[in-house]
Amino acid sequence: MIVVATGASEPGGELSANGVLLATLWQDLLFIAVPLLLALSLRHVPPRAADFGLVRITGRRLAAAVALGAAVFYGASWVYGLLISDGGSQDTLERLGAERGGAGLVAAAVMVVVIAPVVEEFFFRGFVYRAARNGLGPAGAALFVGVLFGAVHLGDPDVLPLIPLLALLGALMCVLYERTGSLAAPIALHVVNNMLAFSFAADLDAPEAVGLPLGALTLLTVWLVATKGVRSSPREGEGPIPASARV
């Protein structure tokens, strides 16, 4: 990926923090545009929000799904940590410039806590999972998307020990989507995970001052939109994804 922008690269040829932010934004735009364009080309009609799982869900059902998903994931993470001495690490925040503090910290927080969960869930669960589900079934599609989700986070060798957990998280969010029929559940769990990872990053200066409020605001927005805002669903998000709504 080539980013053409002032200050986008360092003298050594590597992308600067600003360059990484721009490249990530470009990637996120593709994650939204590609599914929409494919849906339009296949059906020749504008896709609806419900076609990607953006449907209504009750607040109680959303909260229960996120709580159960978090319990399973963090329980598995705890057990995994007991079995694996080297837990691995990601340099995402460093590459996004969070260590600079100030505007860099805020920009990284917005990217990690707000944009990434929404965009990645739209692409991986709302598009890839729904498409794979037609041929592989729910279990096979969840496994496939989970492995794919883990693989795309493999940026350097230090991340390798984290791949099984990321794959588990990816598959688990498919299960939440399958059981609720709404993309709001995996989005909310993704926000919670990224908010906690950002807010308690050891190498940043007071990241919780930005990460926790931003995450809480994002969760509130997801809850309001998912329970009050979206309407275009034949099932209103109650129950598994109906066959008629599959991609």
C-alpha atoms as a PDB file:
ATOM      1  CA  MET A   1       0.000   0.000   0.000  1.00  0.00           C
ATOM      2  CA  ILE A   2       1.433   3.352  -1.037  1.00  0.00           C
ATOM      3  CA  VAL A   3       0.485   6.505   0.800  1.00  0.00           C
ATOM      4  CA  VAL A   4       1.178   9.814  -0.925  1.00  0.00           C
ATOM      5  CA  ALA A   5       1.039  12.568   1.658  1.00  0.00           C
ATOM      6  CA  THR A   6       3.305  15.103   3.291  1.00  0.00           C
ATOM      7  CA  GLY A   7       5.110  13.522   6.211  1.00  0.00           C
ATOM      8  CA  ALA A   8       3.770  10.069   5.388  1.00  0.00           C
ATOM      9  CA  SER A   9       7.170   8.376   5.370  1.00  0.00           C
ATOM     10  CA  GLU A  10      10.362   8.486   7.385  1.00  0.00           C
ATOM     11  CA  PRO A  11      13.820   9.021   5.826  1.00  0.00           C
ATOM     12  CA  GLY A  12      14.437   5.259   5.994  1.00  0.00           C
ATOM     13  CA  GLY A  13      11.438   4.548   3.803  1.00  0.00           C
ATOM     14  CA  GLU A  14       9.140   3.305   6.582  1.00  0.00           C
ATOM     15  CA  LEU A  15       5.767   4.914   7.128  1.00  0.00           C
ATOM     16  CA  SER A  16       5.642   7.535   9.846  1.00  0.00           C
ATOM     17  CA  ALA A  17       2.833   7.540  12.401  1.00  0.00           C
ATOM     18  CA  ASN A  18       0.894   9.943  10.182  1.00  0.00           C
ATOM     19  CA  GLY A  19       1.480   7.663   7.228  1.00  0.00           C
ATOM     20  CA  VAL A  20       0.229   4.642   9.163  1.00  0.00           C
ATOM     21  CA  LEU A  21      -2.899   6.553  10.171  1.00  0.00           C
ATOM     22  CA  LEU A  22      -3.574   7.525   6.558  1.00  0.00           C
ATOM     23  CA  ALA A  23      -2.919   4.003   5.298  1.00  0.00           C
ATOM     24  CA  THR A  24      -5.220   2.565   7.951  1.00  0.00           C
ATOM     25  CA  LEU A  25      -7.974   4.998   7.041  1.00  0.00           C
ATOM     26  CA  TRP A  26      -7.595   4.024   3.379  1.00  0.00           C
ATOM     27  CA  GLN A  27      -7.824   0.348   4.326  1.00  0.00           C
ATOM     28  CA  ASP A  28     -10.947   1.035   6.398  1.00  0.00           C
ATOM     29  CA  LEU A  29     -12.574   2.829   3.480  1.00  0.00           C
ATOM     30  CA  LEU A  30     -11.920  -0.245   1.333  1.00  0.00           C
ATOM     31  CA  PHE A  31     -13.413  -2.487   4.037  1.00  0.00           C
ATOM     32  CA  ILE A  32     -16.635  -0.501   3.680  1.00  0.00           C
ATOM     33  CA  ALA A  33     -16.610   0.201  -0.054  1.00  0.00           C
ATOM     34  CA  VAL A  34     -15.800  -3.285  -1.345  1.00  0.00           C
ATOM     35  CA  PRO A  35     -18.778  -5.062   0.292  1.00  0.00           C
ATOM     36  CA  LEU A  36     -21.150  -2.284  -0.767  1.00  0.00           C
ATOM     37  CA  LEU A  37     -19.938  -2.337  -4.375  1.00  0.00           C
ATOM     38  CA  LEU A  38     -20.067  -6.129  -4.560  1.00  0.00           C
ATOM     39  CA  ALA A  39     -23.587  -6.206  -3.145  1.00  0.00           C
ATOM     40  CA  LEU A  40     -24.661  -3.563  -5.642  1.00  0.00           C
ATOM     41  CA  SER A  41     -23.079  -5.386  -8.585  1.00  0.00           C
ATOM     42  CA  LEU A  42     -24.683  -8.721  -7.657  1.00  0.00           C
ATOM     43  CA  ARG A  43     -28.181  -7.479  -6.888  1.00  0.00           C
ATOM     44  CA  HIS A  44     -28.346  -4.319  -9.010  1.00  0.00           C
ATOM     45  CA  VAL A  45     -30.232  -2.588  -6.195  1.00  0.00           C
ATOM     46  CA  PRO A  46     -28.812  -0.470  -3.373  1.00  0.00           C
ATOM     47  CA  PRO A  47     -27.964  -2.708  -0.390  1.00  0.00           C
ATOM     48  CA  ARG A  48     -29.881  -2.161   2.833  1.00  0.00           C
ATOM     49  CA  ALA A  49     -28.403  -1.827   6.305  1.00  0.00           C
ATOM     50  CA  ALA A  50     -30.059  -5.130   7.215  1.00  0.00           C
ATOM     51  CA  ASP A  51     -28.110  -6.883   4.447  1.00  0.00           C
ATOM     52  CA  PHE A  52     -24.998  -6.462   6.609  1.00  0.00           C
ATOM     53  CA  GLY A  53     -26.583  -7.191   9.968  1.00  0.00           C
ATOM     54  CA  LEU A  54     -27.238  -3.589  10.954  1.00  0.00           C
ATOM     55  CA  VAL A  55     -30.580  -4.369  12.560  1.00  0.00           C
ATOM     56  CA  ARG A  56     -32.355  -3.608  15.802  1.00  0.00           C
ATOM     57  CA  ILE A  57     -31.759  -5.618  18.964  1.00  0.00           C
ATOM     58  CA  THR A  58     -33.127  -5.222  22.483  1.00  0.00           C
ATOM     59  CA  GLY A  59     -30.828  -3.654  25.055  1.00  0.00           C
ATOM     60  CA  ARG A  60     -31.113  -6.700  27.320  1.00  0.00           C
ATOM     61  CA  ARG A  61     -30.171  -9.089  24.535  1.00  0.00           C
ATOM     62  CA  LEU A  62     -27.239  -6.910  23.502  1.00  0.00           C
ATOM     63  CA  ALA A  63     -25.907  -6.622  27.060  1.00  0.00           C
ATOM     64  CA  ALA A  64     -26.251 -10.367  27.667  1.00  0.00           C
ATOM     65  CA  ALA A  65     -24.452 -11.240  24.433  1.00  0.00           C
ATOM     66  CA  VAL A  66     -21.537  -8.901  25.156  1.00  0.00           C
ATOM     67  CA  ALA A  67     -21.244 -10.057  28.777  1.00  0.00           C
ATOM     68  CA  LEU A  68     -21.217 -13.722  27.763  1.00  0.00           C
ATOM     69  CA  GLY A  69     -18.755 -13.104  24.945  1.00  0.00           C
ATOM     70  CA  ALA A  70     -16.414 -11.162  27.229  1.00  0.00           C
ATOM     71  CA  ALA A  71     -16.574 -13.871  29.903  1.00  0.00           C
ATOM     72  CA  VAL A  72     -15.685 -16.590  27.403  1.00  0.00           C
ATOM     73  CA  PHE A  73     -12.891 -14.633  25.741  1.00  0.00           C
ATOM     74  CA  TYR A  74     -11.200 -13.298  28.868  1.00  0.00           C
ATOM     75  CA  GLY A  75     -11.590 -16.646  30.602  1.00  0.00           C
ATOM     76  CA  ALA A  76      -9.881 -18.350  27.675  1.00  0.00           C
ATOM     77  CA  SER A  77      -7.210 -15.629  27.634  1.00  0.00           C
ATOM     78  CA  TRP A  78      -6.470 -16.254  31.313  1.00  0.00           C
ATOM     79  CA  VAL A  79      -6.085 -19.998  30.753  1.00  0.00           C
ATOM     80  CA  TYR A  80      -3.962 -19.390  27.652  1.00  0.00           C
ATOM     81  CA  GLY A  81      -1.713 -17.082  29.660  1.00  0.00           C
ATOM     82  CA  LEU A  82      -1.102 -19.872  32.174  1.00  0.00           C
ATOM     83  CA  LEU A  83      -0.064 -22.253  29.411  1.00  0.00           C
ATOM     84  CA  ILE A  84       2.058 -19.899  27.300  1.00  0.00           C
ATOM     85  CA  SER A  85       5.031 -18.147  28.902  1.00  0.00           C
ATOM     86  CA  ASP A  86       5.487 -15.648  26.055  1.00  0.00           C
ATOM     87  CA  GLY A  87       2.128 -13.953  25.571  1.00  0.00           C
ATOM     88  CA  GLY A  88       3.279 -11.915  22.588  1.00  0.00           C
ATOM     89  CA  SER A  89       2.702  -8.233  21.916  1.00  0.00           C
ATOM     90  CA  GLN A  90       1.419  -5.874  19.246  1.00  0.00           C
ATOM     91  CA  ASP A  91       3.084  -2.641  18.155  1.00  0.00           C
ATOM     92  CA  THR A  92      -0.116  -1.151  16.732  1.00  0.00           C
ATOM     93  CA  LEU A  93      -0.253   1.758  19.168  1.00  0.00           C
ATOM     94  CA  GLU A  94       3.399   2.605  18.612  1.00  0.00           C
ATOM     95  CA  ARG A  95       2.971   2.588  14.829  1.00  0.00           C
ATOM     96  CA  LEU A  96      -0.096   4.814  15.129  1.00  0.00           C
ATOM     97  CA  GLY A  97       1.898   7.370  17.134  1.00  0.00           C
ATOM     98  CA  ALA A  98       0.140   6.961  20.481  1.00  0.00           C
ATOM     99  CA  GLU A  99       3.449   7.286  22.338  1.00  0.00           C
ATOM    100  CA  ARG A 100       3.710  10.905  21.174  1.00  0.00           C
ATOM    101  CA  GLY A 101       0.882  11.817  23.522  1.00  0.00           C
ATOM    102  CA  GLY A 102      -1.487  14.703  22.902  1.00  0.00           C
ATOM    103  CA  ALA A 103      -3.039  14.645  19.450  1.00  0.00           C
ATOM    104  CA  GLY A 104      -1.186  11.434  18.596  1.00  0.00           C
ATOM    105  CA  LEU A 105      -2.710   9.645  21.574  1.00  0.00           C
ATOM    106  CA  VAL A 106      -6.206  10.884  20.748  1.00  0.00           C
ATOM    107  CA  ALA A 107      -5.893   9.981  17.053  1.00  0.00           C
ATOM    108  CA  ALA A 108      -4.705   6.477  17.909  1.00  0.00           C
ATOM    109  CA  ALA A 109      -7.547   6.077  20.415  1.00  0.00           C
ATOM    110  CA  VAL A 110     -10.162   7.092  17.853  1.00  0.00           C
ATOM    111  CA  MET A 111      -8.681   4.686  15.323  1.00  0.00           C
ATOM    112  CA  VAL A 112      -8.418   1.736  17.724  1.00  0.00           C
ATOM    113  CA  VAL A 113     -11.458   2.197  19.968  1.00  0.00           C
ATOM    114  CA  VAL A 114     -14.009   3.711  17.574  1.00  0.00           C
ATOM    115  CA  ILE A 115     -13.215   3.157  13.906  1.00  0.00           C
ATOM    116  CA  ALA A 116     -11.586  -0.287  13.921  1.00  0.00           C
ATOM    117  CA  PRO A 117     -14.401  -2.137  15.745  1.00  0.00           C
ATOM    118  CA  VAL A 118     -17.131  -0.743  13.504  1.00  0.00           C
ATOM    119  CA  VAL A 119     -15.282  -1.145  10.212  1.00  0.00           C
ATOM    120  CA  GLU A 120     -13.776  -4.563  10.939  1.00  0.00           C
ATOM    121  CA  GLU A 121     -17.078  -5.987  12.149  1.00  0.00           C
ATOM    122  CA  PHE A 122     -18.860  -4.637   9.082  1.00  0.00           C
ATOM    123  CA  PHE A 123     -16.307  -6.360   6.851  1.00  0.00           C
ATOM    124  CA  PHE A 124     -15.475  -9.601   8.674  1.00  0.00           C
ATOM    125  CA  ARG A 125     -18.829 -10.421  10.265  1.00  0.00           C
ATOM    126  CA  GLY A 126     -21.312  -8.410   8.209  1.00  0.00           C
ATOM    127  CA  PHE A 127     -19.800  -9.362   4.855  1.00  0.00           C
ATOM    128  CA  VAL A 128     -17.238 -12.206   4.907  1.00  0.00           C
ATOM    129  CA  TYR A 129     -19.011 -14.329   7.525  1.00  0.00           C
ATOM    130  CA  ARG A 130     -22.424 -13.941   5.940  1.00  0.00           C
ATOM    131  CA  ALA A 131     -21.014 -14.922   2.540  1.00  0.00           C
ATOM    132  CA  ALA A 132     -18.981 -17.863   3.902  1.00  0.00           C
ATOM    133  CA  ARG A 133     -21.970 -19.068   5.925  1.00  0.00           C
ATOM    134  CA  ASN A 134     -23.853 -19.959   2.757  1.00  0.00           C
ATOM    135  CA  GLY A 135     -21.285 -22.578   1.752  1.00  0.00           C
ATOM    136  CA  LEU A 136     -19.622 -23.570   5.029  1.00  0.00           C
ATOM    137  CA  GLY A 137     -22.502 -23.332   7.471  1.00  0.00           C
ATOM    138  CA  PRO A 138     -22.371 -21.341  10.730  1.00  0.00           C
ATOM    139  CA  ALA A 139     -19.650 -23.404  12.438  1.00  0.00           C
ATOM    140  CA  GLY A 140     -17.396 -23.673   9.387  1.00  0.00           C
ATOM    141  CA  ALA A 141     -17.799 -20.004   8.544  1.00  0.00           C
ATOM    142  CA  ALA A 142     -17.037 -18.944  12.132  1.00  0.00           C
ATOM    143  CA  LEU A 143     -13.867 -21.049  12.114  1.00  0.00           C
ATOM    144  CA  PHE A 144     -12.802 -19.706   8.714  1.00  0.00           C
ATOM    145  CA  VAL A 145     -13.423 -16.060   9.612  1.00  0.00           C
ATOM    146  CA  GLY A 146     -11.777 -16.518  13.005  1.00  0.00           C
ATOM    147  CA  VAL A 147      -8.574 -17.810  11.409  1.00  0.00           C
ATOM    148  CA  LEU A 148      -8.706 -15.062   8.790  1.00  0.00           C
ATOM    149  CA  PHE A 149      -9.240 -12.415  11.477  1.00  0.00           C
ATOM    150  CA  GLY A 150      -6.224 -13.673  13.397  1.00  0.00           C
ATOM    151  CA  ALA A 151      -4.072 -13.893  10.276  1.00  0.00           C
ATOM    152  CA  VAL A 152      -4.636 -10.291   9.192  1.00  0.00           C
ATOM    153  CA  HIS A 153      -3.246  -9.112  12.544  1.00  0.00           C
ATOM    154  CA  LEU A 154       0.044 -10.938  11.975  1.00  0.00           C
ATOM    155  CA  GLY A 155       2.258  -7.931  11.334  1.00  0.00           C
ATOM    156  CA  ASP A 156       5.488  -9.082  12.997  1.00  0.00           C
ATOM    157  CA  PRO A 157       6.830 -12.185  14.822  1.00  0.00           C
ATOM    158  CA  ASP A 158       6.006 -10.725  18.256  1.00  0.00           C
ATOM    159  CA  VAL A 159       2.304 -11.030  17.441  1.00  0.00           C
ATOM    160  CA  LEU A 160       2.487 -14.769  16.688  1.00  0.00           C
ATOM    161  CA  PRO A 161       1.648 -15.969  20.236  1.00  0.00           C
ATOM    162  CA  LEU A 162      -1.477 -13.778  20.157  1.00  0.00           C
ATOM    163  CA  ILE A 163      -2.868 -15.248  16.922  1.00  0.00           C
ATOM    164  CA  PRO A 164      -4.794 -18.120  18.596  1.00  0.00           C
ATOM    165  CA  LEU A 165      -6.536 -15.643  20.903  1.00  0.00           C
ATOM    166  CA  LEU A 166      -7.307 -13.271  18.048  1.00  0.00           C
ATOM    167  CA  ALA A 167      -8.689 -16.185  16.027  1.00  0.00           C
ATOM    168  CA  LEU A 168     -10.831 -17.189  19.005  1.00  0.00           C
ATOM    169  CA  LEU A 169     -12.105 -13.635  19.335  1.00  0.00           C
ATOM    170  CA  GLY A 170     -12.902 -13.517  15.621  1.00  0.00           C
ATOM    171  CA  ALA A 171     -14.835 -16.790  15.777  1.00  0.00           C
ATOM    172  CA  LEU A 172     -16.590 -15.783  18.991  1.00  0.00           C
ATOM    173  CA  MET A 173     -17.840 -12.559  17.445  1.00  0.00           C
ATOM    174  CA  CYS A 174     -19.261 -14.625  14.572  1.00  0.00           C
ATOM    175  CA  VAL A 175     -21.161 -16.690  17.144  1.00  0.00           C
ATOM    176  CA  LEU A 176     -22.556 -13.553  18.787  1.00  0.00           C
ATOM    177  CA  TYR A 177     -23.671 -12.303  15.399  1.00  0.00           C
ATOM    178  CA  GLU A 178     -25.226 -15.664  14.539  1.00  0.00           C
ATOM    179  CA  ARG A 179     -27.146 -15.930  17.795  1.00  0.00           C
ATOM    180  CA  THR A 180     -28.418 -12.343  17.949  1.00  0.00           C
ATOM    181  CA  GLY A 181     -28.793 -11.601  14.242  1.00  0.00           C
ATOM    182  CA  SER A 182     -27.393  -8.123  14.868  1.00  0.00           C
ATOM    183  CA  LEU A 183     -23.937  -6.748  14.133  1.00  0.00           C
ATOM    184  CA  ALA A 184     -24.262  -4.590  17.252  1.00  0.00           C
ATOM    185  CA  ALA A 185     -23.209  -7.468  19.526  1.00  0.00           C
ATOM    186  CA  PRO A 186     -19.798  -8.160  17.938  1.00  0.00           C
ATOM    187  CA  ILE A 187     -19.196  -4.435  17.469  1.00  0.00           C
ATOM    188  CA  ALA A 188     -19.792  -3.804  21.172  1.00  0.00           C
ATOM    189  CA  LEU A 189     -17.540  -6.687  22.248  1.00  0.00           C
ATOM    190  CA  HIS A 190     -14.851  -5.446  19.862  1.00  0.00           C
ATOM    191  CA  VAL A 191     -15.117  -1.959  21.368  1.00  0.00           C
ATOM    192  CA  VAL A 192     -14.789  -3.362  24.896  1.00  0.00           C
ATOM    193  CA  ASN A 193     -11.711  -5.386  23.981  1.00  0.00           C
ATOM    194  CA  ASN A 194      -9.956  -2.544  22.167  1.00  0.00           C
ATOM    195  CA  MET A 195     -10.903  -0.031  24.853  1.00  0.00           C
ATOM    196  CA  LEU A 196      -9.343  -2.179  27.587  1.00  0.00           C
ATOM    197  CA  ALA A 197      -6.258  -2.995  25.509  1.00  0.00           C
ATOM    198  CA  PHE A 198      -5.708   0.691  24.761  1.00  0.00           C
ATOM    199  CA  SER A 199      -6.522   2.034  28.226  1.00  0.00           C
ATOM    200  CA  PHE A 200      -4.142  -0.297  30.035  1.00  0.00           C
ATOM    201  CA  ALA A 201      -1.251  -0.230  27.573  1.00  0.00           C
ATOM    202  CA  ALA A 202       1.854  -0.198  29.768  1.00  0.00           C
ATOM    203  CA  ASP A 203       4.037   1.912  27.474  1.00  0.00           C
ATOM    204  CA  LEU A 204       1.665   4.903  27.196  1.00  0.00           C
ATOM    205  CA  ASP A 205       1.247   7.912  29.456  1.00  0.00           C
ATOM    206  CA  ALA A 206      -2.228   7.817  31.073  1.00  0.00           C
ATOM    207  CA  PRO A 207      -4.021   6.197  28.105  1.00  0.00           C
ATOM    208  CA  GLU A 208      -7.053   5.465  30.283  1.00  0.00           C
ATOM    209  CA  ALA A 209      -7.843   9.189  30.379  1.00  0.00           C
ATOM    210  CA  VAL A 210      -8.645   8.950  26.667  1.00  0.00           C
ATOM    211  CA  GLY A 211      -9.472   5.296  26.094  1.00  0.00           C
ATOM    212  CA  LEU A 212     -12.077   4.724  28.805  1.00  0.00           C
ATOM    213  CA  PRO A 213     -14.265   7.805  28.137  1.00  0.00           C
ATOM    214  CA  LEU A 214     -14.020   7.312  24.379  1.00  0.00           C
ATOM    215  CA  GLY A 215     -14.896   3.638  24.704  1.00  0.00           C
ATOM    216  CA  ALA A 216     -17.836   4.386  26.985  1.00  0.00           C
ATOM    217  CA  LEU A 217     -19.150   6.998  24.545  1.00  0.00           C
ATOM    218  CA  THR A 218     -18.775   4.557  21.643  1.00  0.00           C
ATOM    219  CA  LEU A 219     -20.612   1.804  23.526  1.00  0.00           C
ATOM    220  CA  LEU A 220     -23.417   4.213  24.382  1.00  0.00           C
ATOM    221  CA  THR A 221     -23.696   5.207  20.726  1.00  0.00           C
ATOM    222  CA  VAL A 222     -23.773   1.569  19.603  1.00  0.00           C
ATOM    223  CA  TRP A 223     -26.453   0.798  22.196  1.00  0.00           C
ATOM    224  CA  LEU A 224     -28.623   3.757  21.175  1.00  0.00           C
ATOM    225  CA  VAL A 225     -28.338   3.068  17.445  1.00  0.00           C
ATOM    226  CA  ALA A 226     -28.865  -0.676  17.835  1.00  0.00           C
ATOM    227  CA  THR A 227     -31.853  -0.435  20.170  1.00  0.00           C
ATOM    228  CA  LYS A 228     -33.514   2.753  18.926  1.00  0.00           C
ATOM    229  CA  GLY A 229     -32.105   3.774  15.560  1.00  0.00           C
ATOM    230  CA  VAL A 230     -32.042   1.014  12.954  1.00  0.00           C
ATOM    231  CA  ARG A 231     -35.332  -0.357  11.669  1.00  0.00           C
ATOM    232  CA  SER A 232     -34.746  -2.174   8.389  1.00  0.00           C
ATOM    233  CA  SER A 233     -34.891  -5.792   9.543  1.00  0.00           C
ATOM    234  CA  PRO A 234     -37.523  -8.442   8.996  1.00  0.00           C
ATOM    235  CA  ARG A 235     -36.597  -9.982  12.340  1.00  0.00           C
ATOM    236  CA  GLU A 236     -35.583  -6.850  14.271  1.00  0.00           C
ATOM    237  CA  GLY A 237     -32.410  -8.601  15.414  1.00  0.00           C
ATOM    238  CA  GLU A 238     -34.284 -11.176  17.503  1.00  0.00           C
ATOM    239  CA  GLY A 239     -32.723 -14.575  16.910  1.00  0.00           C
ATOM    240  CA  PRO A 240     -30.365 -16.156  14.386  1.00  0.00           C
ATOM    241  CA  ILE A 241     -29.779 -14.658  10.951  1.00  0.00           C
ATOM    242  CA  PRO A 242     -32.776 -15.506   8.755  1.00  0.00           C
ATOM    243  CA  ALA A 243     -31.979 -17.326   5.514  1.00  0.00           C
ATOM    244  CA  SER A 244     -33.601 -14.581   3.478  1.00  0.00           C
ATOM    245  CA  ALA A 245     -31.128 -12.049   4.841  1.00  0.00           C
ATOM    246  CA  ARG A 246     -27.965 -13.954   3.954  1.00  0.00           C
ATOM    247  CA  VAL A 247     -25.501 -12.442   1.481  1.00  0.00           C
END
